[in-house]
Amino acid sequence: MKDFTLKEFINNKEGVSVSKVAIFLSMVDDLNDNSLVEFFKSSGIKCVITRAGGRGDNLKDKLFRNSLTAAEHSGVITTEEKYKYVFLNIFEKIFKKINSGIYGISGAGFKIGIARNNTHIAVAISGKIGVPGINIDFEVVEVETGFIGGN
């Protein structure tokens, strides 16, 4: 069996897949956060890692605000309205996935990976959602991508 390099794994037919990069960023162990961000930046991908946790609407607010702020402050995006609009659409899709059934009533903590190339931006969340009363956590990984146009 062939061993894959990280660069081989993140490529697709158009080049580097921002979705795959965002997933890696959201799942990397905490000790390697900075190294992975620097690796992807050296490959021409703008990216950042942040974290958020909470319950219900508080969780949604923290996920969105922490991610948007981290993306703007790191230079992954600018403060232009078009980026905020794309971010809002991405998070709307993510929230629909994690805000159903029992997940909507329990607390959670997530690591968030954000990656961007010239035309697309991807946001991946990875973490655990607790189920109240039974002391069980569900591991969740979600990724969504939005089109930002060429620049």
C-alpha atoms as a PDB file:
ATOM      1  CA  MET A   1       0.000   0.000   0.000  1.00  0.00           C
ATOM      2  CA  LYS A   2       1.254   3.452  -0.919  1.00  0.00           C
ATOM      3  CA  ASP A   3       1.838   6.066   1.778  1.00  0.00           C
ATOM      4  CA  PHE A   4       0.224   9.377   0.851  1.00  0.00           C
ATOM      5  CA  THR A   5       1.757  12.714   1.622  1.00  0.00           C
ATOM      6  CA  LEU A   6      -0.461  15.451   2.966  1.00  0.00           C
ATOM      7  CA  LYS A   7      -0.065  17.398  -0.294  1.00  0.00           C
ATOM      8  CA  GLU A   8      -1.262  14.391  -2.311  1.00  0.00           C
ATOM      9  CA  PHE A   9      -4.273  13.984  -0.066  1.00  0.00           C
ATOM     10  CA  ILE A  10      -5.469  17.599  -0.187  1.00  0.00           C
ATOM     11  CA  ASN A  11      -5.294  17.952  -3.971  1.00  0.00           C
ATOM     12  CA  ASN A  12      -8.181  17.408  -6.341  1.00  0.00           C
ATOM     13  CA  LYS A  13      -8.444  17.926 -10.102  1.00  0.00           C
ATOM     14  CA  GLU A  14      -8.659  21.737  -9.679  1.00  0.00           C
ATOM     15  CA  GLY A  15      -5.703  21.961  -7.273  1.00  0.00           C
ATOM     16  CA  VAL A  16      -5.853  22.170  -3.495  1.00  0.00           C
ATOM     17  CA  SER A  17      -9.264  21.338  -2.006  1.00  0.00           C
ATOM     18  CA  VAL A  18     -10.171  23.985   0.571  1.00  0.00           C
ATOM     19  CA  SER A  19     -12.742  21.592   2.056  1.00  0.00           C
ATOM     20  CA  LYS A  20     -10.079  19.009   2.794  1.00  0.00           C
ATOM     21  CA  VAL A  21      -7.773  21.678   4.217  1.00  0.00           C
ATOM     22  CA  ALA A  22     -10.540  22.992   6.487  1.00  0.00           C
ATOM     23  CA  ILE A  23     -11.248  19.472   7.759  1.00  0.00           C
ATOM     24  CA  PHE A  24      -7.577  18.904   8.571  1.00  0.00           C
ATOM     25  CA  LEU A  25      -7.437  22.247  10.382  1.00  0.00           C
ATOM     26  CA  SER A  26     -10.513  21.429  12.451  1.00  0.00           C
ATOM     27  CA  MET A  27      -9.189  18.015  13.462  1.00  0.00           C
ATOM     28  CA  VAL A  28      -5.475  18.588  14.077  1.00  0.00           C
ATOM     29  CA  ASP A  29      -4.321  18.070  17.644  1.00  0.00           C
ATOM     30  CA  ASP A  30      -3.763  21.283  19.577  1.00  0.00           C
ATOM     31  CA  LEU A  31       0.036  20.918  19.696  1.00  0.00           C
ATOM     32  CA  ASN A  32       0.239  21.021  15.885  1.00  0.00           C
ATOM     33  CA  ASP A  33      -2.207  23.884  15.140  1.00  0.00           C
ATOM     34  CA  ASN A  34       0.423  26.451  14.199  1.00  0.00           C
ATOM     35  CA  SER A  35       2.555  24.009  12.201  1.00  0.00           C
ATOM     36  CA  LEU A  36      -0.376  22.904  10.065  1.00  0.00           C
ATOM     37  CA  VAL A  37      -1.542  26.479   9.462  1.00  0.00           C
ATOM     38  CA  GLU A  38       1.981  27.443   8.344  1.00  0.00           C
ATOM     39  CA  PHE A  39       2.218  24.364   6.106  1.00  0.00           C
ATOM     40  CA  PHE A  40      -1.015  25.249   4.298  1.00  0.00           C
ATOM     41  CA  LYS A  41      -0.074  28.917   4.040  1.00  0.00           C
ATOM     42  CA  SER A  42       3.183  27.862   2.342  1.00  0.00           C
ATOM     43  CA  SER A  43       0.987  26.004  -0.175  1.00  0.00           C
ATOM     44  CA  GLY A  44      -0.846  29.237  -1.051  1.00  0.00           C
ATOM     45  CA  ILE A  45      -3.952  28.664   1.085  1.00  0.00           C
ATOM     46  CA  LYS A  46      -5.191  31.375   3.431  1.00  0.00           C
ATOM     47  CA  CYS A  47      -6.319  29.665   6.638  1.00  0.00           C
ATOM     48  CA  VAL A  48      -6.955  29.947  10.362  1.00  0.00           C
ATOM     49  CA  ILE A  49      -8.070  27.805  13.308  1.00  0.00           C
ATOM     50  CA  THR A  50     -10.386  28.988  16.084  1.00  0.00           C
ATOM     51  CA  ARG A  51     -12.590  27.421  18.746  1.00  0.00           C
ATOM     52  CA  ALA A  52     -16.102  27.911  20.156  1.00  0.00           C
ATOM     53  CA  GLY A  53     -18.496  26.223  22.545  1.00  0.00           C
ATOM     54  CA  GLY A  54     -21.796  26.790  24.274  1.00  0.00           C
ATOM     55  CA  ARG A  55     -25.463  25.746  24.262  1.00  0.00           C
ATOM     56  CA  GLY A  56     -28.383  26.347  21.906  1.00  0.00           C
ATOM     57  CA  ASP A  57     -28.481  29.797  20.329  1.00  0.00           C
ATOM     58  CA  ASN A  58     -25.444  30.781  22.371  1.00  0.00           C
ATOM     59  CA  LEU A  59     -23.497  28.030  20.590  1.00  0.00           C
ATOM     60  CA  LYS A  60     -24.614  29.233  17.157  1.00  0.00           C
ATOM     61  CA  ASP A  61     -23.713  32.824  17.999  1.00  0.00           C
ATOM     62  CA  LYS A  62     -20.261  31.851  19.272  1.00  0.00           C
ATOM     63  CA  LEU A  63     -19.515  29.581  16.305  1.00  0.00           C
ATOM     64  CA  PHE A  64     -20.435  32.265  13.793  1.00  0.00           C
ATOM     65  CA  ARG A  65     -18.866  35.256  15.561  1.00  0.00           C
ATOM     66  CA  ASN A  66     -15.629  33.493  16.555  1.00  0.00           C
ATOM     67  CA  SER A  67     -15.187  32.170  13.022  1.00  0.00           C
ATOM     68  CA  LEU A  68     -15.954  35.446  11.267  1.00  0.00           C
ATOM     69  CA  THR A  69     -13.697  37.410  13.624  1.00  0.00           C
ATOM     70  CA  ALA A  70     -10.839  34.905  13.276  1.00  0.00           C
ATOM     71  CA  ALA A  71     -11.140  34.922   9.475  1.00  0.00           C
ATOM     72  CA  GLU A  72     -11.102  38.723   9.328  1.00  0.00           C
ATOM     73  CA  HIS A  73      -8.286  39.216  11.845  1.00  0.00           C
ATOM     74  CA  SER A  74      -6.069  36.572  10.223  1.00  0.00           C
ATOM     75  CA  GLY A  75      -6.485  37.998   6.718  1.00  0.00           C
ATOM     76  CA  VAL A  76      -8.331  34.955   5.364  1.00  0.00           C
ATOM     77  CA  ILE A  77     -11.087  37.382   4.367  1.00  0.00           C
ATOM     78  CA  THR A  78     -11.564  41.136   4.440  1.00  0.00           C
ATOM     79  CA  THR A  79     -14.442  42.963   6.119  1.00  0.00           C
ATOM     80  CA  GLU A  80     -16.291  43.359   2.793  1.00  0.00           C
ATOM     81  CA  GLU A  81     -20.001  42.532   2.887  1.00  0.00           C
ATOM     82  CA  LYS A  82     -19.656  39.797   0.242  1.00  0.00           C
ATOM     83  CA  TYR A  83     -17.499  37.735   2.613  1.00  0.00           C
ATOM     84  CA  LYS A  84     -19.945  38.177   5.489  1.00  0.00           C
ATOM     85  CA  TYR A  85     -22.767  37.068   3.213  1.00  0.00           C
ATOM     86  CA  VAL A  86     -20.888  33.930   2.123  1.00  0.00           C
ATOM     87  CA  PHE A  87     -19.975  33.185   5.753  1.00  0.00           C
ATOM     88  CA  LEU A  88     -23.611  33.561   6.789  1.00  0.00           C
ATOM     89  CA  ASN A  89     -24.716  31.088   4.091  1.00  0.00           C
ATOM     90  CA  ILE A  90     -22.035  28.576   5.086  1.00  0.00           C
ATOM     91  CA  PHE A  91     -23.055  28.717   8.734  1.00  0.00           C
ATOM     92  CA  GLU A  92     -26.737  28.474   7.907  1.00  0.00           C
ATOM     93  CA  LYS A  93     -26.003  25.107   6.250  1.00  0.00           C
ATOM     94  CA  ILE A  94     -23.833  23.946   9.163  1.00  0.00           C
ATOM     95  CA  PHE A  95     -26.468  24.975  11.739  1.00  0.00           C
ATOM     96  CA  LYS A  96     -29.178  23.054   9.901  1.00  0.00           C
ATOM     97  CA  LYS A  97     -27.043  19.924  10.247  1.00  0.00           C
ATOM     98  CA  ILE A  98     -26.175  20.247  13.928  1.00  0.00           C
ATOM     99  CA  ASN A  99     -29.389  21.843  15.214  1.00  0.00           C
ATOM    100  CA  SER A 100     -31.676  18.880  14.740  1.00  0.00           C
ATOM    101  CA  GLY A 101     -33.063  16.406  17.224  1.00  0.00           C
ATOM    102  CA  ILE A 102     -31.264  16.082  20.523  1.00  0.00           C
ATOM    103  CA  TYR A 103     -28.275  18.115  19.321  1.00  0.00           C
ATOM    104  CA  GLY A 104     -30.277  21.346  19.557  1.00  0.00           C
ATOM    105  CA  ILE A 105     -30.684  21.104  23.342  1.00  0.00           C
ATOM    106  CA  SER A 106     -27.204  20.155  24.480  1.00  0.00           C
ATOM    107  CA  GLY A 107     -23.849  21.864  24.889  1.00  0.00           C
ATOM    108  CA  ALA A 108     -20.918  21.500  22.555  1.00  0.00           C
ATOM    109  CA  GLY A 109     -17.333  22.510  21.949  1.00  0.00           C
ATOM    110  CA  PHE A 110     -15.758  22.791  18.523  1.00  0.00           C
ATOM    111  CA  LYS A 111     -12.477  23.480  16.785  1.00  0.00           C
ATOM    112  CA  ILE A 112     -13.116  25.399  13.569  1.00  0.00           C
ATOM    113  CA  GLY A 113     -10.887  25.275  10.485  1.00  0.00           C
ATOM    114  CA  ILE A 114     -11.293  27.969   7.842  1.00  0.00           C
ATOM    115  CA  ALA A 115      -9.511  27.788   4.477  1.00  0.00           C
ATOM    116  CA  ARG A 116      -9.683  29.937   1.357  1.00  0.00           C
ATOM    117  CA  ASN A 117      -8.243  29.935  -2.146  1.00  0.00           C
ATOM    118  CA  ASN A 118      -8.993  32.455  -4.902  1.00  0.00           C
ATOM    119  CA  THR A 119     -12.537  31.281  -5.573  1.00  0.00           C
ATOM    120  CA  HIS A 120     -13.838  29.301  -2.587  1.00  0.00           C
ATOM    121  CA  ILE A 121     -13.880  29.379   1.192  1.00  0.00           C
ATOM    122  CA  ALA A 122     -14.537  26.352   3.397  1.00  0.00           C
ATOM    123  CA  VAL A 123     -15.433  26.105   7.065  1.00  0.00           C
ATOM    124  CA  ALA A 124     -15.148  22.819   8.959  1.00  0.00           C
ATOM    125  CA  ILE A 125     -16.160  22.196  12.544  1.00  0.00           C
ATOM    126  CA  SER A 126     -15.010  19.249  14.586  1.00  0.00           C
ATOM    127  CA  GLY A 127     -15.902  18.502  18.160  1.00  0.00           C
ATOM    128  CA  LYS A 128     -18.299  16.870  20.559  1.00  0.00           C
ATOM    129  CA  ILE A 129     -21.918  17.501  21.327  1.00  0.00           C
ATOM    130  CA  GLY A 130     -23.060  16.333  24.751  1.00  0.00           C
ATOM    131  CA  VAL A 131     -26.359  14.595  25.341  1.00  0.00           C
ATOM    132  CA  PRO A 132     -27.839  15.849  28.622  1.00  0.00           C
ATOM    133  CA  GLY A 133     -28.687  13.366  31.321  1.00  0.00           C
ATOM    134  CA  ILE A 134     -26.867  10.351  29.912  1.00  0.00           C
ATOM    135  CA  ASN A 135     -23.237  11.528  29.991  1.00  0.00           C
ATOM    136  CA  ILE A 136     -22.549  10.645  26.345  1.00  0.00           C
ATOM    137  CA  ASP A 137     -20.809  12.808  23.759  1.00  0.00           C
ATOM    138  CA  PHE A 138     -21.302  12.494  20.013  1.00  0.00           C
ATOM    139  CA  GLU A 139     -18.364  13.386  17.806  1.00  0.00           C
ATOM    140  CA  VAL A 140     -19.380  15.700  14.971  1.00  0.00           C
ATOM    141  CA  VAL A 141     -17.513  16.809  11.853  1.00  0.00           C
ATOM    142  CA  GLU A 142     -19.207  19.089   9.345  1.00  0.00           C
ATOM    143  CA  VAL A 143     -17.818  21.073   6.413  1.00  0.00           C
ATOM    144  CA  GLU A 144     -19.417  23.534   4.036  1.00  0.00           C
ATOM    145  CA  THR A 145     -17.954  25.528   1.157  1.00  0.00           C
ATOM    146  CA  GLY A 146     -18.990  28.825  -0.383  1.00  0.00           C
ATOM    147  CA  PHE A 147     -18.120  30.536  -3.655  1.00  0.00           C
ATOM    148  CA  ILE A 148     -16.452  33.930  -3.224  1.00  0.00           C
ATOM    149  CA  GLY A 149     -15.539  34.612  -6.845  1.00  0.00           C
ATOM    150  CA  GLY A 150     -12.129  35.313  -8.282  1.00  0.00           C
ATOM    151  CA  ASN A 151      -9.842  38.037  -6.969  1.00  0.00           C
END
